[in-house]
Structure formats: structure tokens, C-alpha cells
PDB file of N, CA and C in Angstrom:
ATOM      1  N   MET A   1      -3.742-108.395  23.000  1.00  0.00           N
ATOM      2  CA  MET A   1      -3.498-109.762  22.574  1.00  0.00           C
ATOM      3  C   MET A   1      -3.716-110.708  23.761  1.00  0.00           C
ATOM      4  N   LYS A   2      -4.314-111.834  23.470  1.00  0.00           N
ATOM      5  CA  LYS A   2      -4.555-112.842  24.493  1.00  0.00           C
ATOM      6  C   LYS A   2      -3.249-113.510  24.902  1.00  0.00           C
ATOM      7  N   GLU A   3      -3.192-113.930  26.162  1.00  0.00           N
ATOM      8  CA  GLU A   3      -2.013-114.660  26.630  1.00  0.00           C
ATOM      9  C   GLU A   3      -2.020-116.052  26.013  1.00  0.00           C
ATOM     10  N   ILE A   4      -0.869-116.465  25.527  1.00  0.00           N
ATOM     11  CA  ILE A   4      -0.701-117.798  24.954  1.00  0.00           C
ATOM     12  C   ILE A   4       0.185-118.590  25.902  1.00  0.00           C
ATOM     13  N   VAL A   5      -0.287-119.751  26.299  1.00  0.00           N
ATOM     14  CA  VAL A   5       0.457-120.613  27.231  1.00  0.00           C
ATOM     15  C   VAL A   5       0.615-121.973  26.574  1.00  0.00           C
ATOM     16  N   ILE A   6       1.836-122.489  26.636  1.00  0.00           N
ATOM     17  CA  ILE A   6       2.099-123.832  26.141  1.00  0.00           C
ATOM     18  C   ILE A   6       2.773-124.637  27.244  1.00  0.00           C
ATOM     19  N   TYR A   7       2.144-125.727  27.617  1.00  0.00           N
ATOM     20  CA  TYR A   7       2.740-126.671  28.566  1.00  0.00           C
ATOM     21  C   TYR A   7       3.562-127.636  27.729  1.00  0.00           C
ATOM     22  N   SER A   8       4.834-127.782  28.066  1.00  0.00           N
ATOM     23  CA  SER A   8       5.726-128.577  27.229  1.00  0.00           C
ATOM     24  C   SER A   8       6.721-129.353  28.077  1.00  0.00           C
ATOM     25  N   SER A   9       7.548-130.135  27.376  1.00  0.00           N
ATOM     26  CA  SER A   9       8.671-130.819  28.016  1.00  0.00           C
ATOM     27  C   SER A   9       9.867-130.768  27.067  1.00  0.00           C
ATOM     28  N   THR A  10      11.028-131.056  27.596  1.00  0.00           N
ATOM     29  CA  THR A  10      12.278-130.878  26.865  1.00  0.00           C
ATOM     30  C   THR A  10      12.381-131.706  25.599  1.00  0.00           C
ATOM     31  N   HIS A  11      12.127-132.978  25.679  1.00  0.00           N
ATOM     32  CA  HIS A  11      12.408-133.889  24.574  1.00  0.00           C
ATOM     33  C   HIS A  11      11.164-134.253  23.764  1.00  0.00           C
ATOM     34  N   CYS A  12      10.265-133.311  23.619  1.00  0.00           N
ATOM     35  CA  CYS A  12       9.005-133.548  22.915  1.00  0.00           C
ATOM     36  C   CYS A  12       9.056-132.877  21.544  1.00  0.00           C
ATOM     37  N   PRO A  13       9.113-133.664  20.472  1.00  0.00           N
ATOM     38  CA  PRO A  13       9.187-133.049  19.138  1.00  0.00           C
ATOM     39  C   PRO A  13       7.937-132.238  18.785  1.00  0.00           C
ATOM     40  N   TYR A  14       6.781-132.649  19.284  1.00  0.00           N
ATOM     41  CA  TYR A  14       5.560-131.895  19.016  1.00  0.00           C
ATOM     42  C   TYR A  14       5.575-130.544  19.725  1.00  0.00           C
ATOM     43  N   CYS A  15       6.208-130.497  20.896  1.00  0.00           N
ATOM     44  CA  CYS A  15       6.365-129.225  21.611  1.00  0.00           C
ATOM     45  C   CYS A  15       7.237-128.278  20.798  1.00  0.00           C
ATOM     46  N   VAL A  16       8.322-128.804  20.258  1.00  0.00           N
ATOM     47  CA  VAL A  16       9.227-127.990  19.434  1.00  0.00           C
ATOM     48  C   VAL A  16       8.481-127.455  18.216  1.00  0.00           C
ATOM     49  N   MET A  17       7.717-128.310  17.551  1.00  0.00           N
ATOM     50  CA  MET A  17       6.986-127.868  16.362  1.00  0.00           C
ATOM     51  C   MET A  17       5.924-126.829  16.709  1.00  0.00           C
ATOM     52  N   ALA A  18       5.252-126.999  17.843  1.00  0.00           N
ATOM     53  CA  ALA A  18       4.237-126.026  18.256  1.00  0.00           C
ATOM     54  C   ALA A  18       4.884-124.671  18.539  1.00  0.00           C
ATOM     55  N   LYS A  19       6.008-124.683  19.232  1.00  0.00           N
ATOM     56  CA  LYS A  19       6.701-123.419  19.526  1.00  0.00           C
ATOM     57  C   LYS A  19       7.202-122.774  18.238  1.00  0.00           C
ATOM     58  N   GLU A  20       7.695-123.559  17.314  1.00  0.00           N
ATOM     59  CA  GLU A  20       8.171-123.009  16.033  1.00  0.00           C
ATOM     60  C   GLU A  20       7.019-122.383  15.247  1.00  0.00           C
ATOM     61  N   LEU A  21       5.865-123.022  15.265  1.00  0.00           N
ATOM     62  CA  LEU A  21       4.711-122.470  14.562  1.00  0.00           C
ATOM     63  C   LEU A  21       4.297-121.137  15.184  1.00  0.00           C
ATOM     64  N   LEU A  22       4.245-121.090  16.508  1.00  0.00           N
ATOM     65  CA  LEU A  22       3.886-119.840  17.178  1.00  0.00           C
ATOM     66  C   LEU A  22       4.932-118.764  16.923  1.00  0.00           C
ATOM     67  N   GLU A  23       6.208-119.143  16.953  1.00  0.00           N
ATOM     68  CA  GLU A  23       7.273-118.176  16.684  1.00  0.00           C
ATOM     69  C   GLU A  23       7.186-117.649  15.253  1.00  0.00           C
ATOM     70  N   SER A  24       6.770-118.489  14.308  1.00  0.00           N
ATOM     71  CA  SER A  24       6.635-118.047  12.921  1.00  0.00           C
ATOM     72  C   SER A  24       5.529-117.008  12.771  1.00  0.00           C
ATOM     73  N   LYS A  25       4.613-116.968  13.733  1.00  0.00           N
ATOM     74  CA  LYS A  25       3.527-115.988  13.742  1.00  0.00           C
ATOM     75  C   LYS A  25       3.935-114.711  14.478  1.00  0.00           C
ATOM     76  N   ASN A  26       5.167-114.687  14.977  1.00  0.00           N
ATOM     77  CA  ASN A  26       5.700-113.536  15.721  1.00  0.00           C
ATOM     78  C   ASN A  26       4.850-113.171  16.931  1.00  0.00           C
ATOM     79  N   VAL A  27       4.406-114.197  17.648  1.00  0.00           N
ATOM     80  CA  VAL A  27       3.657-113.961  18.886  1.00  0.00           C
ATOM     81  C   VAL A  27       4.487-114.445  20.066  1.00  0.00           C
ATOM     82  N   LYS A  28       4.303-113.783  21.166  1.00  0.00           N
ATOM     83  CA  LYS A  28       4.980-114.192  22.393  1.00  0.00           C
ATOM     84  C   LYS A  28       4.088-115.198  23.107  1.00  0.00           C
ATOM     85  N   PHE A  29       4.724-116.152  23.752  1.00  0.00           N
ATOM     86  CA  PHE A  29       3.978-117.144  24.517  1.00  0.00           C
ATOM     87  C   PHE A  29       4.746-117.482  25.777  1.00  0.00           C
ATOM     88  N   LYS A  30       4.013-117.985  26.737  1.00  0.00           N
ATOM     89  CA  LYS A  30       4.613-118.426  28.002  1.00  0.00           C
ATOM     90  C   LYS A  30       4.742-119.934  27.931  1.00  0.00           C
ATOM     91  N   GLU A  31       5.957-120.420  28.132  1.00  0.00           N
ATOM     92  CA  GLU A  31       6.196-121.859  28.129  1.00  0.00           C
ATOM     93  C   GLU A  31       6.321-122.340  29.565  1.00  0.00           C
ATOM     94  N   LEU A  32       5.512-123.314  29.923  1.00  0.00           N
ATOM     95  CA  LEU A  32       5.561-123.915  31.254  1.00  0.00           C
ATOM     96  C   LEU A  32       6.014-125.358  31.089  1.00  0.00           C
ATOM     97  N   ARG A  33       7.182-125.650  31.595  1.00  0.00           N
ATOM     98  CA  ARG A  33       7.803-126.968  31.393  1.00  0.00           C
ATOM     99  C   ARG A  33       7.351-127.948  32.473  1.00  0.00           C
ATOM    100  N   VAL A  34       6.564-128.914  32.069  1.00  0.00           N
ATOM    101  CA  VAL A  34       6.034-129.893  33.009  1.00  0.00           C
ATOM    102  C   VAL A  34       7.113-130.838  33.527  1.00  0.00           C
ATOM    103  N   ASP A  35       8.213-130.955  32.786  1.00  0.00           N
ATOM    104  CA  ASP A  35       9.302-131.823  33.237  1.00  0.00           C
ATOM    105  C   ASP A  35      10.207-131.119  34.249  1.00  0.00           C
ATOM    106  N   GLU A  36      10.029-129.833  34.433  1.00  0.00           N
ATOM    107  CA  GLU A  36      10.828-129.093  35.408  1.00  0.00           C
ATOM    108  C   GLU A  36      10.059-128.808  36.697  1.00  0.00           C
ATOM    109  N   LYS A  37       8.749-128.728  36.581  1.00  0.00           N
ATOM    110  CA  LYS A  37       7.945-128.376  37.752  1.00  0.00           C
ATOM    111  C   LYS A  37       6.669-129.210  37.745  1.00  0.00           C
ATOM    112  N   PHE A  38       6.542-130.098  38.715  1.00  0.00           N
ATOM    113  CA  PHE A  38       5.411-131.020  38.769  1.00  0.00           C
ATOM    114  C   PHE A  38       4.084-130.276  38.866  1.00  0.00           C
ATOM    115  N   GLU A  39       4.090-129.110  39.506  1.00  0.00           N
ATOM    116  CA  GLU A  39       2.861-128.334  39.636  1.00  0.00           C
ATOM    117  C   GLU A  39       2.306-127.959  38.260  1.00  0.00           C
ATOM    118  N   TYR A  40       3.189-127.702  37.294  1.00  0.00           N
ATOM    119  CA  TYR A  40       2.739-127.376  35.939  1.00  0.00           C
ATOM    120  C   TYR A  40       2.050-128.566  35.288  1.00  0.00           C
ATOM    121  N   ALA A  41       2.550-129.757  35.562  1.00  0.00           N
ATOM    122  CA  ALA A  41       1.924-130.962  35.008  1.00  0.00           C
ATOM    123  C   ALA A  41       0.511-131.120  35.563  1.00  0.00           C
ATOM    124  N   LYS A  42       0.350-130.943  36.851  1.00  0.00           N
ATOM    125  CA  LYS A  42      -0.979-131.043  37.463  1.00  0.00           C
ATOM    126  C   LYS A  42      -1.911-129.959  36.931  1.00  0.00           C
ATOM    127  N   GLU A  43      -1.384-128.749  36.787  1.00  0.00           N
ATOM    128  CA  GLU A  43      -2.165-127.629  36.267  1.00  0.00           C
ATOM    129  C   GLU A  43      -2.615-127.888  34.829  1.00  0.00           C
ATOM    130  N   SER A  44      -1.713-128.436  34.029  1.00  0.00           N
ATOM    131  CA  SER A  44      -2.022-128.731  32.634  1.00  0.00           C
ATOM    132  C   SER A  44      -3.141-129.755  32.521  1.00  0.00           C
ATOM    133  N   VAL A  45      -3.073-130.801  33.297  1.00  0.00           N
ATOM    134  CA  VAL A  45      -4.104-131.842  33.273  1.00  0.00           C
ATOM    135  C   VAL A  45      -5.450-131.256  33.687  1.00  0.00           C
ATOM    136  N   LYS A  46      -5.440-130.421  34.701  1.00  0.00           N
ATOM    137  CA  LYS A  46      -6.686-129.812  35.183  1.00  0.00           C
ATOM    138  C   LYS A  46      -7.266-128.868  34.124  1.00  0.00           C
ATOM    139  N   ARG A  47      -6.442-127.987  33.581  1.00  0.00           N
ATOM    140  CA  ARG A  47      -6.918-126.997  32.598  1.00  0.00           C
ATOM    141  C   ARG A  47      -7.386-127.649  31.300  1.00  0.00           C
ATOM    142  N   SER A  48      -6.769-128.778  30.937  1.00  0.00           N
ATOM    143  CA  SER A  48      -7.087-129.412  29.653  1.00  0.00           C
ATOM    144  C   SER A  48      -8.216-130.436  29.756  1.00  0.00           C
ATOM    145  N   GLY A  49      -8.781-130.581  30.916  1.00  0.00           N
ATOM    146  CA  GLY A  49      -9.879-131.532  31.068  1.00  0.00           C
ATOM    147  C   GLY A  49      -9.425-132.977  31.159  1.00  0.00           C
ATOM    148  N   GLY A  50      -8.198-133.180  31.630  1.00  0.00           N
ATOM    149  CA  GLY A  50      -7.711-134.536  31.853  1.00  0.00           C
ATOM    150  C   GLY A  50      -6.644-135.025  30.900  1.00  0.00           C
ATOM    151  N   ARG A  51      -6.286-134.226  29.920  1.00  0.00           N
ATOM    152  CA  ARG A  51      -5.228-134.656  28.988  1.00  0.00           C
ATOM    153  C   ARG A  51      -3.877-134.646  29.691  1.00  0.00           C
ATOM    154  N   LYS A  52      -3.128-135.715  29.472  1.00  0.00           N
ATOM    155  CA  LYS A  52      -1.839-135.863  30.151  1.00  0.00           C
ATOM    156  C   LYS A  52      -0.659-135.778  29.203  1.00  0.00           C
ATOM    157  N   THR A  53      -0.897-135.418  27.961  1.00  0.00           N
ATOM    158  CA  THR A  53       0.179-135.328  26.979  1.00  0.00           C
ATOM    159  C   THR A  53       0.617-133.879  26.811  1.00  0.00           C
ATOM    160  N   VAL A  54       1.783-133.711  26.225  1.00  0.00           N
ATOM    161  CA  VAL A  54       2.272-132.385  25.882  1.00  0.00           C
ATOM    162  C   VAL A  54       2.521-132.335  24.389  1.00  0.00           C
ATOM    163  N   PRO A  55       2.405-131.192  23.792  1.00  0.00           N
ATOM    164  CA  PRO A  55       2.062-129.928  24.423  1.00  0.00           C
ATOM    165  C   PRO A  55       0.557-129.797  24.642  1.00  0.00           C
ATOM    166  N   GLN A  56       0.216-128.938  25.576  1.00  0.00           N
ATOM    167  CA  GLN A  56      -1.162-128.473  25.740  1.00  0.00           C
ATOM    168  C   GLN A  56      -1.088-126.968  25.563  1.00  0.00           C
ATOM    169  N   ILE A  57      -1.875-126.456  24.645  1.00  0.00           N
ATOM    170  CA  ILE A  57      -1.768-125.061  24.242  1.00  0.00           C
ATOM    171  C   ILE A  57      -3.076-124.332  24.541  1.00  0.00           C
ATOM    172  N   PHE A  58      -2.939-123.137  25.110  1.00  0.00           N
ATOM    173  CA  PHE A  58      -4.080-122.296  25.433  1.00  0.00           C
ATOM    174  C   PHE A  58      -3.870-120.918  24.834  1.00  0.00           C
ATOM    175  N   ILE A  59      -4.903-120.399  24.207  1.00  0.00           N
ATOM    176  CA  ILE A  59      -4.905-119.020  23.730  1.00  0.00           C
ATOM    177  C   ILE A  59      -6.005-118.334  24.526  1.00  0.00           C
ATOM    178  N   GLY A  60      -5.586-117.486  25.456  1.00  0.00           N
ATOM    179  CA  GLY A  60      -6.553-116.945  26.410  1.00  0.00           C
ATOM    180  C   GLY A  60      -7.129-118.093  27.209  1.00  0.00           C
ATOM    181  N   ASP A  61      -8.428-118.149  27.306  1.00  0.00           N
ATOM    182  CA  ASP A  61      -9.094-119.246  28.019  1.00  0.00           C
ATOM    183  C   ASP A  61      -9.433-120.423  27.111  1.00  0.00           C
ATOM    184  N   TYR A  62      -9.145-120.278  25.811  1.00  0.00           N
ATOM    185  CA  TYR A  62      -9.483-121.330  24.851  1.00  0.00           C
ATOM    186  C   TYR A  62      -8.411-122.414  24.836  1.00  0.00           C
ATOM    187  N   HIS A  63      -8.826-123.645  25.048  1.00  0.00           N
ATOM    188  CA  HIS A  63      -7.912-124.786  25.010  1.00  0.00           C
ATOM    189  C   HIS A  63      -7.811-125.274  23.571  1.00  0.00           C
ATOM    190  N   VAL A  64      -6.674-125.001  22.952  1.00  0.00           N
ATOM    191  CA  VAL A  64      -6.440-125.426  21.572  1.00  0.00           C
ATOM    192  C   VAL A  64      -6.282-126.930  21.515  1.00  0.00           C
ATOM    193  N   GLY A  65      -5.511-127.482  22.443  1.00  0.00           N
ATOM    194  CA  GLY A  65      -5.166-128.895  22.439  1.00  0.00           C
ATOM    195  C   GLY A  65      -3.681-129.034  22.212  1.00  0.00           C
ATOM    196  N   GLY A  66      -3.289-129.993  21.386  1.00  0.00           N
ATOM    197  CA  GLY A  66      -1.880-130.242  21.117  1.00  0.00           C
ATOM    198  C   GLY A  66      -1.424-129.635  19.804  1.00  0.00           C
ATOM    199  N   TYR A  67      -0.259-130.072  19.354  1.00  0.00           N
ATOM    200  CA  TYR A  67       0.314-129.527  18.122  1.00  0.00           C
ATOM    201  C   TYR A  67      -0.593-129.775  16.917  1.00  0.00           C
ATOM    202  N   ASP A  68      -1.123-130.990  16.788  1.00  0.00           N
ATOM    203  CA  ASP A  68      -1.974-131.301  15.641  1.00  0.00           C
ATOM    204  C   ASP A  68      -3.174-130.359  15.573  1.00  0.00           C
ATOM    205  N   ASP A  69      -3.727-130.041  16.718  1.00  0.00           N
ATOM    206  CA  ASP A  69      -4.872-129.134  16.773  1.00  0.00           C
ATOM    207  C   ASP A  69      -4.458-127.717  16.371  1.00  0.00           C
ATOM    208  N   LEU A  70      -3.289-127.279  16.859  1.00  0.00           N
ATOM    209  CA  LEU A  70      -2.765-125.959  16.513  1.00  0.00           C
ATOM    210  C   LEU A  70      -2.505-125.867  15.012  1.00  0.00           C
ATOM    211  N   TYR A  71      -1.886-126.901  14.465  1.00  0.00           N
ATOM    212  CA  TYR A  71      -1.583-126.937  13.037  1.00  0.00           C
ATOM    213  C   TYR A  71      -2.863-126.917  12.198  1.00  0.00           C
ATOM    214  N   ALA A  72      -3.865-127.676  12.638  1.00  0.00           N
ATOM    215  CA  ALA A  72      -5.144-127.716  11.912  1.00  0.00           C
ATOM    216  C   ALA A  72      -5.801-126.339  11.909  1.00  0.00           C
ATOM    217  N   LEU A  73      -5.774-125.653  13.033  1.00  0.00           N
ATOM    218  CA  LEU A  73      -6.327-124.296  13.085  1.00  0.00           C
ATOM    219  C   LEU A  73      -5.614-123.389  12.087  1.00  0.00           C
ATOM    220  N   ASP A  74      -4.311-123.526  12.010  1.00  0.00           N
ATOM    221  CA  ASP A  74      -3.536-122.705  11.088  1.00  0.00           C
ATOM    222  C   ASP A  74      -3.904-123.027   9.644  1.00  0.00           C
ATOM    223  N   GLN A  75      -4.004-124.305   9.313  1.00  0.00           N
ATOM    224  CA  GLN A  75      -4.326-124.717   7.949  1.00  0.00           C
ATOM    225  C   GLN A  75      -5.731-124.273   7.534  1.00  0.00           C
ATOM    226  N   GLU A  76      -6.628-124.195   8.499  1.00  0.00           N
ATOM    227  CA  GLU A  76      -8.005-123.774   8.222  1.00  0.00           C
ATOM    228  C   GLU A  76      -8.144-122.243   8.186  1.00  0.00           C
ATOM    229  N   GLY A  77      -7.046-121.536   8.476  1.00  0.00           N
ATOM    230  CA  GLY A  77      -7.080-120.078   8.482  1.00  0.00           C
ATOM    231  C   GLY A  77      -7.710-119.484   9.724  1.00  0.00           C
ATOM    232  N   LYS A  78      -7.842-120.286  10.777  1.00  0.00           N
ATOM    233  CA  LYS A  78      -8.494-119.828  12.002  1.00  0.00           C
ATOM    234  C   LYS A  78      -7.518-119.372  13.083  1.00  0.00           C
ATOM    235  N   LEU A  79      -6.247-119.729  12.943  1.00  0.00           N
ATOM    236  CA  LEU A  79      -5.283-119.407  13.996  1.00  0.00           C
ATOM    237  C   LEU A  79      -4.961-117.919  14.037  1.00  0.00           C
ATOM    238  N   ASP A  80      -4.665-117.320  12.906  1.00  0.00           N
ATOM    239  CA  ASP A  80      -4.299-115.899  12.893  1.00  0.00           C
ATOM    240  C   ASP A  80      -5.360-115.008  13.534  1.00  0.00           C
ATOM    241  N   PRO A  81      -6.641-115.179  13.196  1.00  0.00           N
ATOM    242  CA  PRO A  81      -7.650-114.347  13.851  1.00  0.00           C
ATOM    243  C   PRO A  81      -7.699-114.555  15.377  1.00  0.00           C
ATOM    244  N   MET A  82      -7.462-115.782  15.808  1.00  0.00           N
ATOM    245  CA  MET A  82      -7.442-116.048  17.255  1.00  0.00           C
ATOM    246  C   MET A  82      -6.294-115.318  17.918  1.00  0.00           C
ATOM    247  N   LEU A  83      -5.160-115.284  17.245  1.00  0.00           N
ATOM    248  CA  LEU A  83      -3.969-114.648  17.810  1.00  0.00           C
ATOM    249  C   LEU A  83      -4.104-113.129  17.812  1.00  0.00           C
ATOM    250  N   GLU A  84      -4.845-112.585  16.865  1.00  0.00           N
ATOM    251  CA  GLU A  84      -4.974-111.140  16.736  1.00  0.00           C
ATOM    252  C   GLU A  84      -6.008-110.546  17.680  1.00  0.00           C
ATOM    253  N   SER A  85      -6.990-111.314  18.065  1.00  0.00           N
ATOM    254  CA  SER A  85      -8.067-110.752  18.904  1.00  0.00           C
ATOM    255  C   SER A  85      -7.675-110.665  20.357  1.00  0.00           C
TER     256      SER A  85
END
């Protein structure tokens, strides 16, 4: 299974929804809190091509984007195959 990384912050409702969606798929993910460690914020911006919002979600080397992007993948039936490969 590919490593799943989510850059998030404490008071972000979209971060909560993204984590809940991933948890509903019974997959493990690494959460990196940008509000706790500034280095994670810089890393997130670099990895995402300049996006400064949270969450930023990665499945392996693939940059999903934010919660809306994750949700859209799920609705299109594309998320499960990504998580399984």
C-alpha cells in the first residue's frame, strides 16, 4: 500500500472531513500538522506546487489536493483503486 500523507491543522473542518473519509476506507495515514511544526508548512507548500491551504493530501507521490479533490475522487470511484495499489 502506498503511503498516505495529509498536511493538516487543528481547527480546519476540511482536514477533519478528509481524515474521516480516509478512516472510513480503513487506511492508515500520516498526519503532519502544519500548525505544530513550521517545517511541515514549508514542506507542504513545496510538495503541492505552491498551495498554502490545508489539507494537502498525497497518496504515494500523487498530489490529490484538498478535501474537495479527495471527495471527488471517491465519488468518481477512483479513490479505492488508488488506495489499493
